C-alpha cells in the first residue's frame, strides 16, 4: 500500500523495517515517533489497539512522521518545527492510503475501514477545536478549579458534537496538554489539508500525491503558512 501511493516511500519503509526502528508494546502513550537528530532516521513506538484497523491507522500515521525525518536534510534538536506541517505528513498519508486500502481488506471490511478512517479524521477536527478552546480558557483564567474545567469541557463537547462526552474527564488524559500546550489544534488544521489531498486524489491522484510529497520535502523551519503557499 505504501509503495502504491508513491515508490519514493518504499525506501523509507525499507529503512524502518530492515533496521528494526519500531516497537509494538504496551505503553502509556498510544503511539509516537522520536527523530534521531544525528541521522536521517527516527524510532516509532505503537501500542496495540483493540481493533486491527486502529492499529493500522496508527502505524500509517507514525510512518508519515518517519518518512519526513528520513528525507529531510535538517536535523536540529532545537528546531522550530511547525506542528501543523508535521501533522499533515501523518494525517495526509493516512487519507492517501484510503485510496489503496482495498489491497489489505475484503470489500466489506474495506468499506468499514474507510468509514472508520474518515470518521477518525473528522473527529480530530472537532476534538482539536474543543481541546484548544479549553486550553485557552484555562490559561486565561488560571484559577479555574478541576470541576469548572470539567464543566467547561462538557459544554464545549456539547457545542461541537451535539452531545455530552462519554467521559467528562477525558481532557485530563490528553498528554499534549501537559507536555506541549496548544498542540491539539494542529491535528484539526492539518486534517483539513489532508482532506483536501484525499478529495483531490479522486480527480488526479498523481497531483495529490505530488503535493503531499512536496510537503514532506520542506525544511524544519518552514512555517505552516509558508508550507501551504509552497505546495
Protein backbone atom coordinates (compact mmCIF):
# COMPACT_ATOMS: atom_id res chain seq x y z
CA UNK A 1 0.00 0.00 0.00
CA UNK A 2 2.80 2.41 0.91
CA UNK A 3 4.59 1.71 -2.37
CA UNK A 4 1.43 2.10 -4.42
CA UNK A 5 0.97 5.62 -3.07
CA UNK A 6 4.45 6.65 -4.18
CA UNK A 7 7.52 4.45 -4.88
CA UNK A 8 9.69 7.01 -3.07
CA UNK A 9 8.06 5.92 0.19
CA UNK A 10 9.43 2.37 -0.17
CA UNK A 11 13.00 3.46 0.55
CA UNK A 12 11.98 4.98 3.88
CA UNK A 13 9.81 1.98 4.75
CA UNK A 14 12.70 -0.40 3.99
CA UNK A 15 14.93 1.62 6.32
CA UNK A 16 12.32 1.41 9.06
CA UNK A 17 11.83 -2.35 8.78
CA UNK A 18 15.37 -3.51 7.99
CA UNK A 19 16.87 -1.54 10.87
CA UNK A 20 14.07 -2.53 13.24
CA UNK A 21 13.30 1.09 14.08
CA UNK A 22 9.88 0.37 15.53
CA UNK A 23 8.38 -1.37 18.53
CA UNK A 24 4.88 -2.52 19.32
CA UNK A 25 4.19 -2.87 23.02
CA UNK A 26 2.08 -1.71 25.90
CA UNK A 27 2.65 1.89 26.90
CA UNK A 28 1.07 4.98 28.38
CA UNK A 29 1.08 6.73 25.02
CA UNK A 30 -0.66 5.02 22.11
CA UNK A 31 1.95 5.98 19.53
CA UNK A 32 4.79 8.39 18.86
CA UNK A 33 7.75 8.95 16.56
CA UNK A 34 11.05 10.16 18.02
CA UNK A 35 13.54 11.62 15.50
CA UNK A 36 17.23 10.81 15.63
CA UNK A 37 18.90 14.19 15.29
CA UNK A 38 22.27 12.83 14.17
CA UNK A 39 20.90 10.93 11.20
CA UNK A 40 18.04 10.76 8.72
CA UNK A 41 16.01 8.41 10.83
CA UNK A 42 13.60 8.05 13.71
CA UNK A 43 12.06 5.48 16.05
CA UNK A 44 8.38 4.52 16.09
CA UNK A 45 6.52 3.15 19.09
CA UNK A 46 2.91 1.95 18.87
CA UNK A 47 0.62 0.31 21.41
CA UNK A 48 -1.68 -2.45 20.13
CA UNK A 49 -5.25 -1.26 19.81
CA UNK A 50 -8.44 -3.20 20.43
CA UNK A 51 -9.21 -3.21 16.72
CA UNK A 52 -6.81 -4.03 13.88
CA UNK A 53 -7.95 -1.04 11.82
CA UNK A 54 -6.97 1.35 14.63
CA UNK A 55 -3.53 -0.27 14.87
CA UNK A 56 -3.08 0.04 11.10
CA UNK A 57 -4.16 3.67 11.11
CA UNK A 58 -1.74 4.44 13.95
CA UNK A 59 1.17 2.84 12.11
CA UNK A 60 0.37 4.72 8.88
CA UNK A 61 0.15 7.97 10.85
CA UNK A 62 3.52 7.45 12.55
CA UNK A 63 5.19 6.32 9.34
CA UNK A 64 4.20 9.68 7.83
CA UNK A 65 6.36 11.29 10.52
CA UNK A 66 9.16 8.78 9.96
CA UNK A 67 9.16 9.41 6.21
CA UNK A 68 9.71 13.11 6.81
CA UNK A 69 12.53 12.50 9.29
CA UNK A 70 14.12 10.14 6.78
CA UNK A 71 14.01 12.55 3.85
CA UNK A 72 14.69 15.92 5.45
CA UNK A 73 18.27 17.16 5.49
CA UNK A 74 17.60 19.35 8.53
CA UNK A 75 18.13 17.78 11.93
CA UNK A 76 18.20 20.31 14.73
CA UNK A 77 17.41 19.41 18.31
CA UNK A 78 16.21 22.98 18.85
CA UNK A 79 14.40 23.32 15.53
CA UNK A 80 11.28 25.40 15.12
CA UNK A 81 9.34 22.53 13.56
CA UNK A 82 5.75 23.59 12.98
CA UNK A 83 3.26 21.07 14.25
CA UNK A 84 0.58 21.69 11.61
CA UNK A 85 3.21 20.86 8.99
CA UNK A 86 4.30 17.68 10.78
CA UNK A 87 0.74 16.52 11.32
CA UNK A 88 -0.02 16.96 7.62
CA UNK A 89 2.79 14.47 6.97
CA UNK A 90 0.99 11.92 9.15
CA UNK A 91 -2.68 12.60 8.50
CA UNK A 92 -2.09 13.26 4.81
CA UNK A 93 -0.57 9.81 4.40
CA UNK A 94 -3.47 8.24 6.27
CA UNK A 95 -6.02 9.70 3.89
CA UNK A 96 -3.97 8.99 0.78
CA UNK A 97 -3.76 5.34 1.91
CA UNK A 98 -7.58 5.30 1.91
CA UNK A 99 -7.43 5.04 -1.89
CA UNK A 100 -5.34 1.83 -1.68
CA UNK A 101 -6.74 0.07 1.38
CA UNK A 102 -8.54 -2.48 -0.80
CA UNK A 103 -5.22 -4.33 -1.02
CA UNK A 104 -5.46 -5.09 2.71
CA UNK A 105 -9.12 -5.95 3.19
CA UNK A 106 -12.02 -7.71 1.55
CA UNK A 107 -14.80 -5.50 0.13
CA UNK A 108 -16.95 -5.31 3.27
CA UNK A 109 -14.00 -4.92 5.64
CA UNK A 110 -12.51 -2.26 3.37
CA UNK A 111 -15.71 -0.23 3.41
CA UNK A 112 -15.74 -0.43 7.21
CA UNK A 113 -12.08 0.58 7.42
CA UNK A 114 -12.57 3.54 5.11
CA UNK A 115 -15.55 4.79 7.12
CA UNK A 116 -13.54 4.33 10.33
CA UNK A 117 -10.58 6.27 8.92
CA UNK A 118 -12.70 9.14 7.63
CA UNK A 119 -14.63 9.27 10.90
CA UNK A 120 -11.47 9.46 12.98
CA UNK A 121 -10.09 12.32 10.88
CA UNK A 122 -13.37 14.25 11.05
CA UNK A 123 -13.47 13.77 14.81
CA UNK A 124 -9.89 15.06 15.05
CA UNK A 125 -11.09 18.41 13.69
CA UNK A 126 -13.78 18.67 16.37
CA UNK A 127 -11.59 17.27 19.16
CA UNK A 128 -8.79 19.67 18.26
CA UNK A 129 -11.19 22.61 18.44
CA UNK A 130 -12.68 21.52 21.78
CA UNK A 131 -9.30 20.98 23.45
CA UNK A 132 -7.91 24.24 22.03
CA UNK A 133 -10.81 26.28 23.40
CA UNK A 134 -10.47 24.51 26.75
CA UNK A 135 -6.76 25.31 26.94
CA UNK A 136 -7.30 28.95 26.05
CA UNK A 137 -9.89 29.32 28.80
CA UNK A 138 -7.62 27.54 31.29
CA UNK A 139 -4.63 29.80 30.59
CA UNK A 140 -6.66 33.00 30.54
CA UNK A 141 -8.43 32.03 33.79
CA UNK A 142 -5.74 30.16 35.77
CA UNK A 143 -7.78 29.95 38.97
CA UNK A 144 -10.39 27.62 37.45
CA UNK A 145 -10.99 24.51 39.57
CA UNK A 146 -10.93 20.97 38.22
CA UNK A 147 -14.73 20.80 38.40
CA UNK A 148 -15.03 24.07 36.49
CA UNK A 149 -12.71 22.73 33.79
CA UNK A 150 -14.77 19.52 33.61
CA UNK A 151 -17.97 21.54 33.19
CA UNK A 152 -16.33 23.70 30.53
CA UNK A 153 -15.10 20.65 28.62
CA UNK A 154 -18.56 19.08 28.76
CA UNK A 155 -20.14 22.29 27.47
CA UNK A 156 -17.66 22.64 24.62
CA UNK A 157 -18.16 18.97 23.68
CA UNK A 158 -21.93 19.56 23.60
CA UNK A 159 -21.38 22.62 21.41
CA UNK A 160 -19.19 20.88 18.84
CA UNK A 161 -20.55 17.31 18.90
CA UNK A 162 -24.17 17.96 19.85
CA UNK A 163 -23.99 15.57 22.79
CA UNK A 164 -22.43 15.15 26.22
CA UNK A 165 -19.00 13.47 26.31
CA UNK A 166 -18.91 9.81 27.35
CA UNK A 167 -16.11 10.69 29.76
CA UNK A 168 -16.27 14.28 31.08
CA UNK A 169 -12.72 13.88 32.41
CA UNK A 170 -11.28 12.79 29.06
CA UNK A 171 -9.33 16.03 28.68
CA UNK A 172 -7.18 15.10 31.69
CA UNK A 173 -5.79 12.11 29.72
CA UNK A 174 -4.53 14.24 26.81
CA UNK A 175 -0.77 14.25 27.40
CA UNK A 176 -0.25 17.03 24.85
CA UNK A 177 -1.93 19.50 27.24
CA UNK A 178 0.85 19.00 29.80
CA UNK A 179 3.85 18.44 27.53
CA UNK A 180 3.11 20.66 24.51
CA UNK A 181 0.35 23.20 25.19
CA UNK A 182 -1.87 24.13 22.24
CA UNK A 183 -0.64 21.11 20.25
CA UNK A 184 -4.07 19.56 19.73
CA UNK A 185 -5.33 22.29 17.41
CA UNK A 186 -2.68 21.26 14.88
CA UNK A 187 -4.50 17.95 14.36
CA UNK A 188 -7.53 19.97 13.30
CA UNK A 189 -5.80 22.36 10.91
CA UNK A 190 -3.69 19.66 9.26
CA UNK A 191 -6.70 17.36 8.93
CA UNK A 192 -8.37 19.98 6.75
CA UNK A 193 -5.35 19.95 4.43
CA UNK A 194 -5.30 16.15 4.50
CA UNK A 195 -8.94 16.04 3.43
CA UNK A 196 -8.10 18.38 0.55
CA UNK A 197 -5.46 15.87 -0.62
CA UNK A 198 -7.90 12.97 -0.19
CA UNK A 199 -10.57 14.77 -2.19
CA UNK A 200 -8.13 15.87 -4.91
CA UNK A 201 -6.92 12.29 -5.36
CA UNK A 202 -10.32 11.30 -6.81
CA UNK A 203 -9.73 13.60 -9.77
CA UNK A 204 -5.92 13.47 -10.06
CA UNK A 205 -4.20 11.16 -7.60
CA UNK A 206 -0.73 11.80 -9.01
CA UNK A 207 -1.09 15.53 -8.43
CA UNK A 208 -2.41 15.00 -4.87
CA UNK A 209 0.48 12.66 -4.04
CA UNK A 210 2.96 15.11 -5.56
CA UNK A 211 1.57 17.87 -3.36
CA UNK A 212 1.91 15.63 -0.32
CA UNK A 213 5.48 14.66 -1.19
CA UNK A 214 6.35 18.33 -1.61
CA UNK A 215 5.07 18.94 1.92
CA UNK A 216 7.47 16.28 3.21
CA UNK A 217 10.40 18.00 1.50
CA UNK A 218 10.18 21.32 3.36
CA UNK A 219 12.82 22.03 5.99
CA UNK A 220 12.11 22.11 9.70
CA UNK A 221 12.00 25.91 9.78
CA UNK A 222 9.13 26.20 7.30
CA UNK A 223 6.01 27.68 8.86
CA UNK A 224 2.54 26.31 8.22
CA UNK A 225 1.57 29.26 6.01
CA UNK A 226 4.85 29.05 4.10
CA UNK A 227 4.28 25.34 3.51
CA UNK A 228 0.73 25.96 2.30
CA UNK A 229 1.94 28.62 -0.13
CA UNK A 230 4.86 26.47 -1.33
CA UNK A 231 2.76 23.43 -2.20
